[in-house]
Full PDB file with SEQRES, HELIX, SHEET, SSBOND, CRYST1, ORIGX, SCALE, CONECT and MASTER records, all heavy atoms in Angstrom:
SEQRES   1 A   32  LEU GLY MET ILE LEU PRO GLU LYS LEU ARG THR LEU PHE          
SEQRES   2 A   32  GLU ASN ILE ASP GLY GLY VAL GLU VAL HIS LEU ARG ALA          
SEQRES   3 A   32  GLU GLU LEU GLU PRO LEU                                      
HELIX    1 AA1 LEU A    5  ASP A   17  1                                  13    
HELIX    2 AA2 ALA A   26  LEU A   29  1                                   4    
CRYST1    1.000    1.000    1.000  90.00  90.00  90.00 P 1           1          
ORIGX1      1.000000  0.000000  0.000000        0.00000                         
ORIGX2      0.000000  1.000000  0.000000        0.00000                         
ORIGX3      0.000000  0.000000  1.000000        0.00000                         
SCALE1      1.000000  0.000000  0.000000        0.00000                         
SCALE2      0.000000  1.000000  0.000000        0.00000                         
SCALE3      0.000000  0.000000  1.000000        0.00000                         
ATOM      1  N   LEU A   1     127.847 108.216 113.962  1.00  0.00           N  
ATOM      2  CA  LEU A   1     127.284 107.720 112.700  1.00  0.00           C  
ATOM      3  C   LEU A   1     127.299 106.196 112.668  1.00  0.00           C  
ATOM      4  O   LEU A   1     126.361 105.554 112.190  1.00  0.00           O  
ATOM      5  CB  LEU A   1     128.083 108.279 111.521  1.00  0.00           C  
ATOM      6  CG  LEU A   1     127.581 107.877 110.122  1.00  0.00           C  
ATOM      7  CD1 LEU A   1     126.172 108.387 109.887  1.00  0.00           C  
ATOM      8  CD2 LEU A   1     128.524 108.391 109.054  1.00  0.00           C  
ATOM      9  N   GLY A   2     128.375 105.603 113.199  1.00  0.00           N  
ATOM     10  CA  GLY A   2     128.476 104.153 113.205  1.00  0.00           C  
ATOM     11  C   GLY A   2     127.371 103.498 114.021  1.00  0.00           C  
ATOM     12  O   GLY A   2     126.945 102.383 113.743  1.00  0.00           O  
ATOM     13  N   MET A   3     126.864 104.209 115.031  1.00  0.00           N  
ATOM     14  CA  MET A   3     125.777 103.672 115.832  1.00  0.00           C  
ATOM     15  C   MET A   3     124.420 103.824 115.140  1.00  0.00           C  
ATOM     16  O   MET A   3     123.512 103.027 115.337  1.00  0.00           O  
ATOM     17  CB  MET A   3     125.744 104.378 117.200  1.00  0.00           C  
ATOM     18  CG  MET A   3     126.973 104.110 118.059  1.00  0.00           C  
ATOM     19  SD  MET A   3     126.987 105.145 119.539  1.00  0.00           S  
ATOM     20  CE  MET A   3     125.554 104.489 120.389  1.00  0.00           C  
ATOM     21  N   ILE A   4     124.284 104.862 114.337  1.00  0.00           N  
ATOM     22  CA  ILE A   4     122.990 105.188 113.734  1.00  0.00           C  
ATOM     23  C   ILE A   4     122.793 104.527 112.379  1.00  0.00           C  
ATOM     24  O   ILE A   4     121.731 103.966 112.083  1.00  0.00           O  
ATOM     25  CB  ILE A   4     122.839 106.716 113.604  1.00  0.00           C  
ATOM     26  CG1 ILE A   4     122.762 107.349 114.989  1.00  0.00           C  
ATOM     27  CG2 ILE A   4     121.590 107.076 112.810  1.00  0.00           C  
ATOM     28  CD1 ILE A   4     122.793 108.854 114.962  1.00  0.00           C  
ATOM     29  N   LEU A   5     123.826 104.577 111.525  1.00  0.00           N  
ATOM     30  CA  LEU A   5     123.667 104.124 110.144  1.00  0.00           C  
ATOM     31  C   LEU A   5     123.259 102.653 110.038  1.00  0.00           C  
ATOM     32  O   LEU A   5     122.338 102.333 109.272  1.00  0.00           O  
ATOM     33  CB  LEU A   5     124.974 104.388 109.372  1.00  0.00           C  
ATOM     34  CG  LEU A   5     124.941 104.047 107.881  1.00  0.00           C  
ATOM     35  CD1 LEU A   5     123.852 104.841 107.170  1.00  0.00           C  
ATOM     36  CD2 LEU A   5     126.298 104.328 107.245  1.00  0.00           C  
ATOM     37  N   PRO A   6     123.878 101.704 110.773  1.00  0.00           N  
ATOM     38  CA  PRO A   6     123.455 100.302 110.631  1.00  0.00           C  
ATOM     39  C   PRO A   6     121.980 100.101 110.949  1.00  0.00           C  
ATOM     40  O   PRO A   6     121.278  99.365 110.260  1.00  0.00           O  
ATOM     41  CB  PRO A   6     124.346  99.564 111.640  1.00  0.00           C  
ATOM     42  CG  PRO A   6     125.536 100.443 111.802  1.00  0.00           C  
ATOM     43  CD  PRO A   6     125.023 101.832 111.686  1.00  0.00           C  
ATOM     44  N   GLU A   7     121.513 100.757 112.014  1.00  0.00           N  
ATOM     45  CA  GLU A   7     120.107 100.605 112.391  1.00  0.00           C  
ATOM     46  C   GLU A   7     119.188 101.159 111.318  1.00  0.00           C  
ATOM     47  O   GLU A   7     118.157 100.588 110.990  1.00  0.00           O  
ATOM     48  CB  GLU A   7     119.863 101.306 113.729  1.00  0.00           C  
ATOM     49  CG  GLU A   7     118.439 101.162 114.263  1.00  0.00           C  
ATOM     50  CD  GLU A   7     118.056  99.709 114.507  1.00  0.00           C  
ATOM     51  OE1 GLU A   7     118.951  98.896 114.832  1.00  0.00           O  
ATOM     52  OE2 GLU A   7     116.866  99.389 114.347  1.00  0.00           O  
ATOM     53  N   LYS A   8     119.570 102.301 110.745  1.00  0.00           N  
ATOM     54  CA  LYS A   8     118.765 102.894 109.669  1.00  0.00           C  
ATOM     55  C   LYS A   8     118.680 101.947 108.481  1.00  0.00           C  
ATOM     56  O   LYS A   8     117.615 101.736 107.902  1.00  0.00           O  
ATOM     57  CB  LYS A   8     119.376 104.236 109.240  1.00  0.00           C  
ATOM     58  CG  LYS A   8     119.324 105.326 110.295  1.00  0.00           C  
ATOM     59  CD  LYS A   8     117.914 105.854 110.474  1.00  0.00           C  
ATOM     60  CE  LYS A   8     117.909 107.041 111.446  1.00  0.00           C  
ATOM     61  NZ  LYS A   8     116.539 107.530 111.690  1.00  0.00           N  
ATOM     62  N   LEU A   9     119.828 101.395 108.082  1.00  0.00           N  
ATOM     63  CA  LEU A   9     119.842 100.496 106.932  1.00  0.00           C  
ATOM     64  C   LEU A   9     119.082  99.201 107.235  1.00  0.00           C  
ATOM     65  O   LEU A   9     118.356  98.677 106.381  1.00  0.00           O  
ATOM     66  CB  LEU A   9     121.286 100.183 106.540  1.00  0.00           C  
ATOM     67  CG  LEU A   9     122.073 101.342 105.934  1.00  0.00           C  
ATOM     68  CD1 LEU A   9     123.533 100.943 105.727  1.00  0.00           C  
ATOM     69  CD2 LEU A   9     121.467 101.792 104.616  1.00  0.00           C  
ATOM     70  N   ARG A  10     119.239  98.699 108.484  1.00  0.00           N  
ATOM     71  CA  ARG A  10     118.529  97.467 108.848  1.00  0.00           C  
ATOM     72  C   ARG A  10     117.019  97.676 108.774  1.00  0.00           C  
ATOM     73  O   ARG A  10     116.274  96.854 108.250  1.00  0.00           O  
ATOM     74  CB  ARG A  10     118.941  97.053 110.265  1.00  0.00           C  
ATOM     75  CG  ARG A  10     118.451  95.658 110.653  1.00  0.00           C  
ATOM     76  CD  ARG A  10     118.952  95.278 112.043  1.00  0.00           C  
ATOM     77  NE  ARG A  10     120.413  95.274 112.104  1.00  0.00           N  
ATOM     78  CZ  ARG A  10     121.129  96.118 112.823  1.00  0.00           C  
ATOM     79  NH1 ARG A  10     120.532  97.059 113.523  1.00  0.00           N  
ATOM     80  NH2 ARG A  10     122.449  96.042 112.834  1.00  0.00           N  
ATOM     81  N   THR A  11     116.557  98.801 109.299  1.00  0.00           N  
ATOM     82  CA  THR A  11     115.128  99.117 109.251  1.00  0.00           C  
ATOM     83  C   THR A  11     114.647  99.226 107.820  1.00  0.00           C  
ATOM     84  O   THR A  11     113.565  98.759 107.454  1.00  0.00           O  
ATOM     85  CB  THR A  11     114.862 100.435 110.000  1.00  0.00           C  
ATOM     86  OG1 THR A  11     115.300 100.298 111.344  1.00  0.00           O  
ATOM     87  CG2 THR A  11     113.376 100.781 110.003  1.00  0.00           C  
ATOM     88  N   LEU A  12     115.468  99.852 106.985  1.00  0.00           N  
ATOM     89  CA  LEU A  12     115.114 100.013 105.572  1.00  0.00           C  
ATOM     90  C   LEU A  12     114.904  98.656 104.911  1.00  0.00           C  
ATOM     91  O   LEU A  12     113.890  98.420 104.237  1.00  0.00           O  
ATOM     92  CB  LEU A  12     116.227 100.792 104.854  1.00  0.00           C  
ATOM     93  CG  LEU A  12     116.116 100.883 103.332  1.00  0.00           C  
ATOM     94  CD1 LEU A  12     114.869 101.653 102.923  1.00  0.00           C  
ATOM     95  CD2 LEU A  12     117.357 101.556 102.758  1.00  0.00           C  
ATOM     96  N   PHE A  13     115.852  97.721 105.132  1.00  0.00           N  
ATOM     97  CA  PHE A  13     115.737  96.415 104.470  1.00  0.00           C  
ATOM     98  C   PHE A  13     114.595  95.575 105.051  1.00  0.00           C  
ATOM     99  O   PHE A  13     113.953  94.822 104.335  1.00  0.00           O  
ATOM    100  CB  PHE A  13     117.064  95.655 104.560  1.00  0.00           C  
ATOM    101  CG  PHE A  13     118.087  96.201 103.620  1.00  0.00           C  
ATOM    102  CD1 PHE A  13     119.230  96.804 104.109  1.00  0.00           C  
ATOM    103  CD2 PHE A  13     117.895  96.151 102.245  1.00  0.00           C  
ATOM    104  CE1 PHE A  13     120.172  97.335 103.244  1.00  0.00           C  
ATOM    105  CE2 PHE A  13     118.839  96.670 101.388  1.00  0.00           C  
ATOM    106  CZ  PHE A  13     119.981  97.265 101.874  1.00  0.00           C  
ATOM    107  N   GLU A  14     114.325  95.742 106.348  1.00  0.00           N  
ATOM    108  CA  GLU A  14     113.187  95.032 106.919  1.00  0.00           C  
ATOM    109  C   GLU A  14     111.887  95.485 106.280  1.00  0.00           C  
ATOM    110  O   GLU A  14     110.998  94.693 105.980  1.00  0.00           O  
ATOM    111  CB  GLU A  14     113.140  95.254 108.434  1.00  0.00           C  
ATOM    112  CG  GLU A  14     114.201  94.471 109.205  1.00  0.00           C  
ATOM    113  CD  GLU A  14     114.222  94.839 110.667  1.00  0.00           C  
ATOM    114  OE1 GLU A  14     113.420  95.732 111.058  1.00  0.00           O  
ATOM    115  OE2 GLU A  14     115.025  94.248 111.411  1.00  0.00           O  
ATOM    116  N   ASN A  15     111.779  96.785 106.057  1.00  0.00           N  
ATOM    117  CA  ASN A  15     110.590  97.322 105.415  1.00  0.00           C  
ATOM    118  C   ASN A  15     110.457  96.822 103.982  1.00  0.00           C  
ATOM    119  O   ASN A  15     109.369  96.490 103.510  1.00  0.00           O  
ATOM    120  CB  ASN A  15     110.613  98.850 105.426  1.00  0.00           C  
ATOM    121  CG  ASN A  15     110.317  99.423 106.788  1.00  0.00           C  
ATOM    122  OD1 ASN A  15     109.585  98.823 107.577  1.00  0.00           O  
ATOM    123  ND2 ASN A  15     110.887 100.586 107.075  1.00  0.00           N  
ATOM    124  N   ILE A  16     111.603  96.760 103.288  1.00  0.00           N  
ATOM    125  CA  ILE A  16     111.577  96.312 101.894  1.00  0.00           C  
ATOM    126  C   ILE A  16     111.205  94.832 101.831  1.00  0.00           C  
ATOM    127  O   ILE A  16     110.381  94.413 101.022  1.00  0.00           O  
ATOM    128  CB  ILE A  16     112.947  96.549 101.234  1.00  0.00           C  
ATOM    129  CG1 ILE A  16     113.193  98.054 101.099  1.00  0.00           C  
ATOM    130  CG2 ILE A  16     113.002  95.897  99.855  1.00  0.00           C  
ATOM    131  CD1 ILE A  16     114.589  98.412 100.689  1.00  0.00           C  
ATOM    132  N   ASP A  17     111.802  94.036 102.739  1.00  0.00           N  
ATOM    133  CA  ASP A  17     111.502  92.601 102.752  1.00  0.00           C  
ATOM    134  C   ASP A  17     110.025  92.352 103.051  1.00  0.00           C  
ATOM    135  O   ASP A  17     109.420  91.415 102.538  1.00  0.00           O  
ATOM    136  CB  ASP A  17     112.353  91.882 103.802  1.00  0.00           C  
ATOM    137  CG  ASP A  17     113.803  91.759 103.331  1.00  0.00           C  
ATOM    138  OD1 ASP A  17     114.036  91.915 102.125  1.00  0.00           O  
ATOM    139  OD2 ASP A  17     114.685  91.520 104.188  1.00  0.00           O  
ATOM    140  N   GLY A  18     109.447  93.201 103.882  1.00  0.00           N  
ATOM    141  CA  GLY A  18     108.062  92.998 104.251  1.00  0.00           C  
ATOM    142  C   GLY A  18     107.079  93.520 103.229  1.00  0.00           C  
ATOM    143  O   GLY A  18     105.866  93.435 103.425  1.00  0.00           O  
ATOM    144  N   GLY A  19     107.592  94.062 102.166  1.00  0.00           N  
ATOM    145  CA  GLY A  19     106.702  94.554 101.116  1.00  0.00           C  
ATOM    146  C   GLY A  19     105.992  95.845 101.490  1.00  0.00           C  
ATOM    147  O   GLY A  19     104.940  96.158 100.951  1.00  0.00           O  
ATOM    148  N   VAL A  20     106.525  96.573 102.451  1.00  0.00           N  
ATOM    149  CA  VAL A  20     105.893  97.808 102.886  1.00  0.00           C  
ATOM    150  C   VAL A  20     106.354  98.945 101.998  1.00  0.00           C  
ATOM    151  O   VAL A  20     107.545  99.073 101.696  1.00  0.00           O  
ATOM    152  CB  VAL A  20     106.262  98.115 104.363  1.00  0.00           C  
ATOM    153  CG1 VAL A  20     105.631  99.416 104.795  1.00  0.00           C  
ATOM    154  CG2 VAL A  20     105.813  96.964 105.257  1.00  0.00           C  
ATOM    155  N   GLU A  21     105.406  99.801 101.627  1.00  0.00           N  
ATOM    156  CA  GLU A  21     105.763 100.977 100.814  1.00  0.00           C  
ATOM    157  C   GLU A  21     106.447 101.998 101.715  1.00  0.00           C  
ATOM    158  O   GLU A  21     105.949 102.322 102.806  1.00  0.00           O  
ATOM    159  CB  GLU A  21     104.496 101.601 100.216  1.00  0.00           C  
ATOM    160  CG  GLU A  21     104.814 102.763  99.272  1.00  0.00           C  
ATOM    161  CD  GLU A  21     103.548 103.336  98.670  1.00  0.00           C  
ATOM    162  OE1 GLU A  21     102.453 102.800  98.940  1.00  0.00           O  
ATOM    163  OE2 GLU A  21     103.667 104.316  97.924  1.00  0.00           O  
ATOM    164  N   VAL A  22     107.577 102.475 101.282  1.00  0.00           N  
ATOM    165  CA  VAL A  22     108.364 103.399 102.106  1.00  0.00           C  
ATOM    166  C   VAL A  22     108.329 104.783 101.497  1.00  0.00           C  
ATOM    167  O   VAL A  22     108.583 104.945 100.303  1.00  0.00           O  
ATOM    168  CB  VAL A  22     109.838 102.919 102.222  1.00  0.00           C  
ATOM    169  CG1 VAL A  22     110.635 103.890 103.067  1.00  0.00           C  
ATOM    170  CG2 VAL A  22     109.881 101.518 102.821  1.00  0.00           C  
ATOM    171  N   HIS A  23     108.019 105.787 102.312  1.00  0.00           N  
ATOM    172  CA  HIS A  23     108.038 107.184 101.862  1.00  0.00           C  
ATOM    173  C   HIS A  23     109.175 107.885 102.592  1.00  0.00           C  
ATOM    174  O   HIS A  23     109.213 107.907 103.822  1.00  0.00           O  
ATOM    175  CB  HIS A  23     106.717 107.876 102.190  1.00  0.00           C  
ATOM    176  CG  HIS A  23     105.543 107.246 101.479  1.00  0.00           C  
ATOM    177  ND1 HIS A  23     105.197 107.591 100.210  1.00  0.00           N  
ATOM    178  CD2 HIS A  23     104.677 106.282 101.880  1.00  0.00           C  
ATOM    179  CE1 HIS A  23     104.133 106.880  99.835  1.00  0.00           C  
ATOM    180  NE2 HIS A  23     103.809 106.073 100.834  1.00  0.00           N  
ATOM    181  N   LEU A  24     110.075 108.445 101.858  1.00  0.00           N  
ATOM    182  CA  LEU A  24     111.221 109.131 102.450  1.00  0.00           C  
ATOM    183  C   LEU A  24     111.168 110.602 102.104  1.00  0.00           C  
ATOM    184  O   LEU A  24     110.931 110.967 100.955  1.00  0.00           O  
ATOM    185  CB  LEU A  24     112.529 108.529 101.920  1.00  0.00           C  
ATOM    186  CG  LEU A  24     112.785 107.075 102.322  1.00  0.00           C  
ATOM    187  CD1 LEU A  24     114.023 106.569 101.604  1.00  0.00           C  
ATOM    188  CD2 LEU A  24     112.950 106.947 103.812  1.00  0.00           C  
ATOM    189  N   ARG A  25     111.391 111.434 103.130  1.00  0.00           N  
ATOM    190  CA  ARG A  25     111.417 112.875 102.901  1.00  0.00           C  
ATOM    191  C   ARG A  25     112.858 113.358 103.005  1.00  0.00           C  
ATOM    192  O   ARG A  25     113.629 112.867 103.830  1.00  0.00           O  
ATOM    193  CB  ARG A  25     110.562 113.607 103.944  1.00  0.00           C  
ATOM    194  CG  ARG A  25     109.090 113.276 103.821  1.00  0.00           C  
ATOM    195  CD  ARG A  25     108.276 114.245 104.675  1.00  0.00           C  
ATOM    196  NE  ARG A  25     108.637 114.143 106.083  1.00  0.00           N  
ATOM    197  CZ  ARG A  25     108.061 113.319 106.934  1.00  0.00           C  
ATOM    198  NH1 ARG A  25     107.117 112.496 106.537  1.00  0.00           N  
ATOM    199  NH2 ARG A  25     108.434 113.306 108.205  1.00  0.00           N  
ATOM    200  N   ALA A  26     113.190 114.352 102.185  1.00  0.00           N  
ATOM    201  CA  ALA A  26     114.577 114.839 102.152  1.00  0.00           C  
ATOM    202  C   ALA A  26     115.022 115.332 103.515  1.00  0.00           C  
ATOM    203  O   ALA A  26     116.153 115.104 103.935  1.00  0.00           O  
ATOM    204  CB  ALA A  26     114.707 115.966 101.119  1.00  0.00           C  
ATOM    205  N   GLU A  27     114.090 115.980 104.260  1.00  0.00           N  
ATOM    206  CA  GLU A  27     114.521 116.539 105.539  1.00  0.00           C  
ATOM    207  C   GLU A  27     114.880 115.466 106.544  1.00  0.00           C  
ATOM    208  O   GLU A  27     115.630 115.697 107.488  1.00  0.00           O  
ATOM    209  CB  GLU A  27     113.443 117.475 106.122  1.00  0.00           C  
ATOM    210  CG  GLU A  27     112.090 116.808 106.380  1.00  0.00           C  
ATOM    211  CD  GLU A  27     111.160 116.966 105.177  1.00  0.00           C  
ATOM    212  OE1 GLU A  27     111.671 117.131 104.061  1.00  0.00           O  
ATOM    213  OE2 GLU A  27     109.937 116.921 105.371  1.00  0.00           O  
ATOM    214  N   GLU A  28     114.328 114.218 106.358  1.00  0.00           N  
ATOM    215  CA  GLU A  28     114.684 113.141 107.261  1.00  0.00           C  
ATOM    216  C   GLU A  28     116.077 112.607 106.986  1.00  0.00           C  
ATOM    217  O   GLU A  28     116.727 112.026 107.845  1.00  0.00           O  
ATOM    218  CB  GLU A  28     113.663 112.010 107.133  1.00  0.00           C  
ATOM    219  CG  GLU A  28     112.268 112.403 107.625  1.00  0.00           C  
ATOM    220  CD  GLU A  28     111.231 111.339 107.346  1.00  0.00           C  
ATOM    221  OE1 GLU A  28     111.516 110.471 106.502  1.00  0.00           O  
ATOM    222  OE2 GLU A  28     110.158 111.372 107.959  1.00  0.00           O  
ATOM    223  N   LEU A  29     116.531 112.751 105.743  1.00  0.00           N  
ATOM    224  CA  LEU A  29     117.860 112.260 105.380  1.00  0.00           C  
ATOM    225  C   LEU A  29     118.950 113.246 105.713  1.00  0.00           C  
ATOM    226  O   LEU A  29     120.106 112.879 105.879  1.00  0.00           O  
ATOM    227  CB  LEU A  29     117.905 111.959 103.872  1.00  0.00           C  
ATOM    228  CG  LEU A  29     116.976 110.841 103.380  1.00  0.00           C  
ATOM    229  CD1 LEU A  29     117.072 110.744 101.871  1.00  0.00           C  
ATOM    230  CD2 LEU A  29     117.339 109.523 104.022  1.00  0.00           C  
ATOM    231  N   GLU A  30     118.605 114.550 105.833  1.00  0.00           N  
ATOM    232  CA  GLU A  30     119.634 115.575 105.974  1.00  0.00           C  
ATOM    233  C   GLU A  30     120.519 115.367 107.197  1.00  0.00           C  
ATOM    234  O   GLU A  30     121.743 115.496 107.118  1.00  0.00           O  
ATOM    235  CB  GLU A  30     118.980 116.964 106.009  1.00  0.00           C  
ATOM    236  CG  GLU A  30     118.540 117.415 104.622  1.00  0.00           C  
ATOM    237  CD  GLU A  30     117.833 118.764 104.664  1.00  0.00           C  
ATOM    238  OE1 GLU A  30     117.702 119.328 105.763  1.00  0.00           O  
ATOM    239  OE2 GLU A  30     117.428 119.235 103.601  1.00  0.00           O  
ATOM    240  N   PRO A  31     119.949 115.042 108.402  1.00  0.00           N  
ATOM    241  CA  PRO A  31     120.858 114.847 109.544  1.00  0.00           C  
ATOM    242  C   PRO A  31     121.845 113.713 109.327  1.00  0.00           C  
ATOM    243  O   PRO A  31     123.009 113.804 109.690  1.00  0.00           O  
ATOM    244  CB  PRO A  31     119.881 114.522 110.698  1.00  0.00           C  
ATOM    245  CG  PRO A  31     118.581 115.104 110.264  1.00  0.00           C  
ATOM    246  CD  PRO A  31     118.536 114.946 108.767  1.00  0.00           C  
ATOM    247  N   LEU A  32     121.380 112.605 108.702  1.00  0.00           N  
ATOM    248  CA  LEU A  32     122.257 111.465 108.456  1.00  0.00           C  
ATOM    249  C   LEU A  32     123.337 111.823 107.455  1.00  0.00           C  
ATOM    250  O   LEU A  32     124.525 111.595 107.687  1.00  0.00           O  
ATOM    251  CB  LEU A  32     121.419 110.288 107.939  1.00  0.00           C  
ATOM    252  CG  LEU A  32     122.176 108.993 107.632  1.00  0.00           C  
ATOM    253  CD1 LEU A  32     122.850 108.480 108.904  1.00  0.00           C  
ATOM    254  CD2 LEU A  32     121.220 107.956 107.070  1.00  0.00           C  
TER     255      LEU A  32                                                      
MASTER        0    0    0    2    0    0    0    6  254    1    0    3          
END                                                                             
């Protein structure tokens, strides 16, 4: 989890900073 979670959060904030609309599906969050 320590290897995966930082990258996921970093990608999330990069998308937010870039003004990109983000669509999240519940099934994508379930493994995390």
